[in-house]
């Protein structure tokens, strides 16, 4: 899918536990869908998704559009 990316989220032990991804729902109106998935239930509610989204570099082509 054009404009789609995934970023792995790792624990301090360097284990991948989830991803942050995005896709353009409607590029002309800058409608972007972002999702966070944490695979292992024992990591849910641990702040990993919040941390991953804060570290996420964003959408590369967005800077060229605004």
N, C-alpha and C. Protein backbone atom coordinates (compact mmCIF):
# COMPACT_ATOMS: atom_id res chain seq x y z
N UNK A 1 0.85 -1.18 0.00
CA UNK A 1 0.00 0.00 0.00
C UNK A 1 0.89 1.24 0.00
N UNK A 2 0.63 2.17 -0.84
CA UNK A 2 1.40 3.40 -0.93
C UNK A 2 1.24 4.23 0.34
N UNK A 3 2.35 4.72 0.86
CA UNK A 3 2.28 5.56 2.05
C UNK A 3 2.04 4.79 3.32
N UNK A 4 2.42 3.53 3.36
CA UNK A 4 2.22 2.71 4.54
C UNK A 4 3.58 2.35 5.12
N UNK A 5 3.71 2.42 6.42
CA UNK A 5 4.98 2.07 7.06
C UNK A 5 4.71 1.39 8.39
N UNK A 6 5.67 0.62 8.83
CA UNK A 6 5.58 -0.05 10.13
C UNK A 6 6.87 0.19 10.87
N UNK A 7 6.76 0.40 12.17
CA UNK A 7 7.92 0.61 13.04
C UNK A 7 7.82 -0.38 14.18
N UNK A 8 8.90 -1.09 14.44
CA UNK A 8 8.90 -2.08 15.51
C UNK A 8 9.12 -1.40 16.85
N UNK A 9 8.47 -1.94 17.86
CA UNK A 9 8.62 -1.47 19.23
C UNK A 9 9.36 -2.55 19.99
N UNK A 10 10.45 -2.20 20.67
CA UNK A 10 11.26 -3.20 21.36
C UNK A 10 11.33 -2.90 22.85
N UNK A 11 11.49 -3.95 23.63
CA UNK A 11 11.67 -3.82 25.07
C UNK A 11 13.14 -3.54 25.36
N UNK A 12 13.48 -3.25 26.60
CA UNK A 12 14.90 -3.08 26.94
C UNK A 12 15.73 -4.33 26.62
N UNK A 13 15.10 -5.48 26.56
CA UNK A 13 15.80 -6.72 26.22
C UNK A 13 15.91 -6.91 24.70
N UNK A 14 15.54 -5.88 23.92
CA UNK A 14 15.57 -5.92 22.46
C UNK A 14 14.66 -6.99 21.87
N UNK A 15 13.51 -7.21 22.49
CA UNK A 15 12.50 -8.11 21.95
C UNK A 15 11.41 -7.27 21.30
N UNK A 16 11.06 -7.59 20.06
CA UNK A 16 9.98 -6.89 19.38
C UNK A 16 8.67 -7.33 20.01
N UNK A 17 7.89 -6.35 20.49
CA UNK A 17 6.62 -6.68 21.14
C UNK A 17 5.42 -6.05 20.43
N UNK A 18 5.68 -5.23 19.40
CA UNK A 18 4.56 -4.62 18.69
C UNK A 18 5.04 -3.71 17.58
N UNK A 19 4.08 -3.01 16.98
CA UNK A 19 4.40 -2.11 15.88
C UNK A 19 3.55 -0.84 15.96
N UNK A 20 4.06 0.19 15.31
CA UNK A 20 3.30 1.40 15.03
C UNK A 20 3.23 1.49 13.51
N UNK A 21 2.06 1.68 12.97
CA UNK A 21 1.93 1.75 11.51
C UNK A 21 0.98 2.87 11.13
N UNK A 22 1.03 3.24 9.86
CA UNK A 22 0.11 4.27 9.36
C UNK A 22 -0.24 3.99 7.91
N UNK A 23 -1.32 4.60 7.48
CA UNK A 23 -1.66 4.64 6.07
C UNK A 23 -2.52 5.88 5.82
N UNK A 24 -2.49 6.33 4.59
CA UNK A 24 -3.31 7.48 4.20
C UNK A 24 -4.71 7.01 3.88
N UNK A 25 -5.68 7.50 4.61
CA UNK A 25 -7.09 7.24 4.29
C UNK A 25 -7.52 8.14 3.15
N UNK A 26 -7.11 9.41 3.21
CA UNK A 26 -7.41 10.38 2.16
C UNK A 26 -6.32 11.46 2.18
N UNK A 27 -5.34 11.28 1.32
CA UNK A 27 -4.15 12.14 1.31
C UNK A 27 -4.50 13.61 1.06
N UNK A 28 -5.45 13.87 0.17
CA UNK A 28 -5.77 15.25 -0.18
C UNK A 28 -6.25 16.07 1.02
N UNK A 29 -6.93 15.42 1.96
CA UNK A 29 -7.41 16.13 3.15
C UNK A 29 -6.52 15.89 4.37
N UNK A 30 -5.37 15.22 4.13
CA UNK A 30 -4.40 14.89 5.19
C UNK A 30 -5.01 14.00 6.27
N UNK A 31 -5.91 13.11 5.88
CA UNK A 31 -6.53 12.16 6.80
C UNK A 31 -5.63 10.94 6.87
N UNK A 32 -4.94 10.82 7.99
CA UNK A 32 -3.96 9.76 8.21
C UNK A 32 -4.44 8.86 9.33
N UNK A 33 -4.40 7.56 9.12
CA UNK A 33 -4.76 6.59 10.16
C UNK A 33 -3.47 6.03 10.75
N UNK A 34 -3.36 6.04 12.08
CA UNK A 34 -2.19 5.52 12.80
C UNK A 34 -2.68 4.44 13.75
N UNK A 35 -1.92 3.37 13.84
CA UNK A 35 -2.29 2.29 14.74
C UNK A 35 -1.11 1.79 15.55
N UNK A 36 -1.40 1.35 16.76
CA UNK A 36 -0.40 0.74 17.64
C UNK A 36 -0.90 -0.66 17.98
N UNK A 37 -0.03 -1.64 17.82
CA UNK A 37 -0.36 -3.01 18.18
C UNK A 37 0.72 -3.52 19.13
N UNK A 38 0.30 -4.01 20.29
CA UNK A 38 1.19 -4.70 21.22
C UNK A 38 0.76 -6.16 21.19
N UNK A 39 1.66 -7.04 20.75
CA UNK A 39 1.31 -8.44 20.50
C UNK A 39 1.04 -9.26 21.77
N UNK A 40 1.84 -9.06 22.80
CA UNK A 40 1.79 -9.92 23.98
C UNK A 40 0.98 -9.27 25.09
N UNK A 41 -0.08 -9.92 25.56
CA UNK A 41 -0.92 -9.31 26.59
C UNK A 41 -0.18 -8.90 27.86
N UNK A 42 0.89 -9.58 28.21
CA UNK A 42 1.61 -9.20 29.43
C UNK A 42 2.26 -7.82 29.32
N UNK A 43 2.38 -7.28 28.09
CA UNK A 43 2.92 -5.93 27.89
C UNK A 43 1.83 -4.87 27.76
N UNK A 44 0.56 -5.29 27.72
CA UNK A 44 -0.54 -4.31 27.63
C UNK A 44 -0.57 -3.46 28.89
N UNK A 45 -0.97 -2.22 28.75
CA UNK A 45 -1.09 -1.26 29.85
C UNK A 45 0.24 -0.97 30.54
N UNK A 46 1.33 -1.19 29.82
CA UNK A 46 2.65 -0.92 30.38
C UNK A 46 3.27 0.37 29.86
N UNK A 47 2.52 1.11 29.04
CA UNK A 47 3.03 2.37 28.50
C UNK A 47 3.90 2.20 27.26
N UNK A 48 4.03 0.98 26.75
CA UNK A 48 4.89 0.75 25.58
C UNK A 48 4.34 1.40 24.32
N UNK A 49 3.03 1.36 24.13
CA UNK A 49 2.43 2.01 22.96
C UNK A 49 2.60 3.51 22.99
N UNK A 50 2.41 4.10 24.15
CA UNK A 50 2.61 5.55 24.31
C UNK A 50 4.05 5.93 24.02
N UNK A 51 4.97 5.14 24.55
CA UNK A 51 6.39 5.41 24.34
C UNK A 51 6.76 5.26 22.86
N UNK A 52 6.24 4.21 22.22
CA UNK A 52 6.55 3.98 20.81
C UNK A 52 6.03 5.12 19.94
N UNK A 53 4.82 5.59 20.22
CA UNK A 53 4.26 6.68 19.42
C UNK A 53 5.05 7.96 19.63
N UNK A 54 5.53 8.20 20.85
CA UNK A 54 6.34 9.39 21.12
C UNK A 54 7.68 9.33 20.38
N UNK A 55 8.22 8.14 20.19
CA UNK A 55 9.51 7.97 19.49
C UNK A 55 9.35 7.86 17.98
N UNK A 56 8.13 7.65 17.52
CA UNK A 56 7.86 7.45 16.10
C UNK A 56 8.31 8.67 15.31
N UNK A 57 9.08 8.47 14.24
CA UNK A 57 9.58 9.62 13.48
C UNK A 57 8.52 10.34 12.65
N UNK A 58 7.34 9.78 12.53
CA UNK A 58 6.28 10.45 11.78
C UNK A 58 6.21 10.00 10.34
N UNK A 59 5.55 10.80 9.55
CA UNK A 59 5.29 10.48 8.15
C UNK A 59 6.25 11.27 7.28
N UNK A 60 7.19 10.60 6.60
CA UNK A 60 8.20 11.33 5.83
C UNK A 60 7.63 12.29 4.79
N UNK A 61 6.60 11.87 4.08
CA UNK A 61 6.08 12.72 3.00
C UNK A 61 5.18 13.84 3.52
N UNK A 62 4.81 13.82 4.81
CA UNK A 62 3.93 14.86 5.35
C UNK A 62 4.59 16.23 5.32
N UNK A 63 5.87 16.31 5.64
CA UNK A 63 6.58 17.59 5.64
C UNK A 63 6.57 18.24 4.26
N UNK A 64 6.61 17.43 3.22
CA UNK A 64 6.59 17.98 1.86
C UNK A 64 5.22 18.46 1.45
N UNK A 65 4.18 17.98 2.14
CA UNK A 65 2.82 18.32 1.76
C UNK A 65 2.32 19.58 2.45
N UNK A 66 2.81 19.88 3.63
CA UNK A 66 2.26 21.00 4.40
C UNK A 66 2.92 22.31 4.06
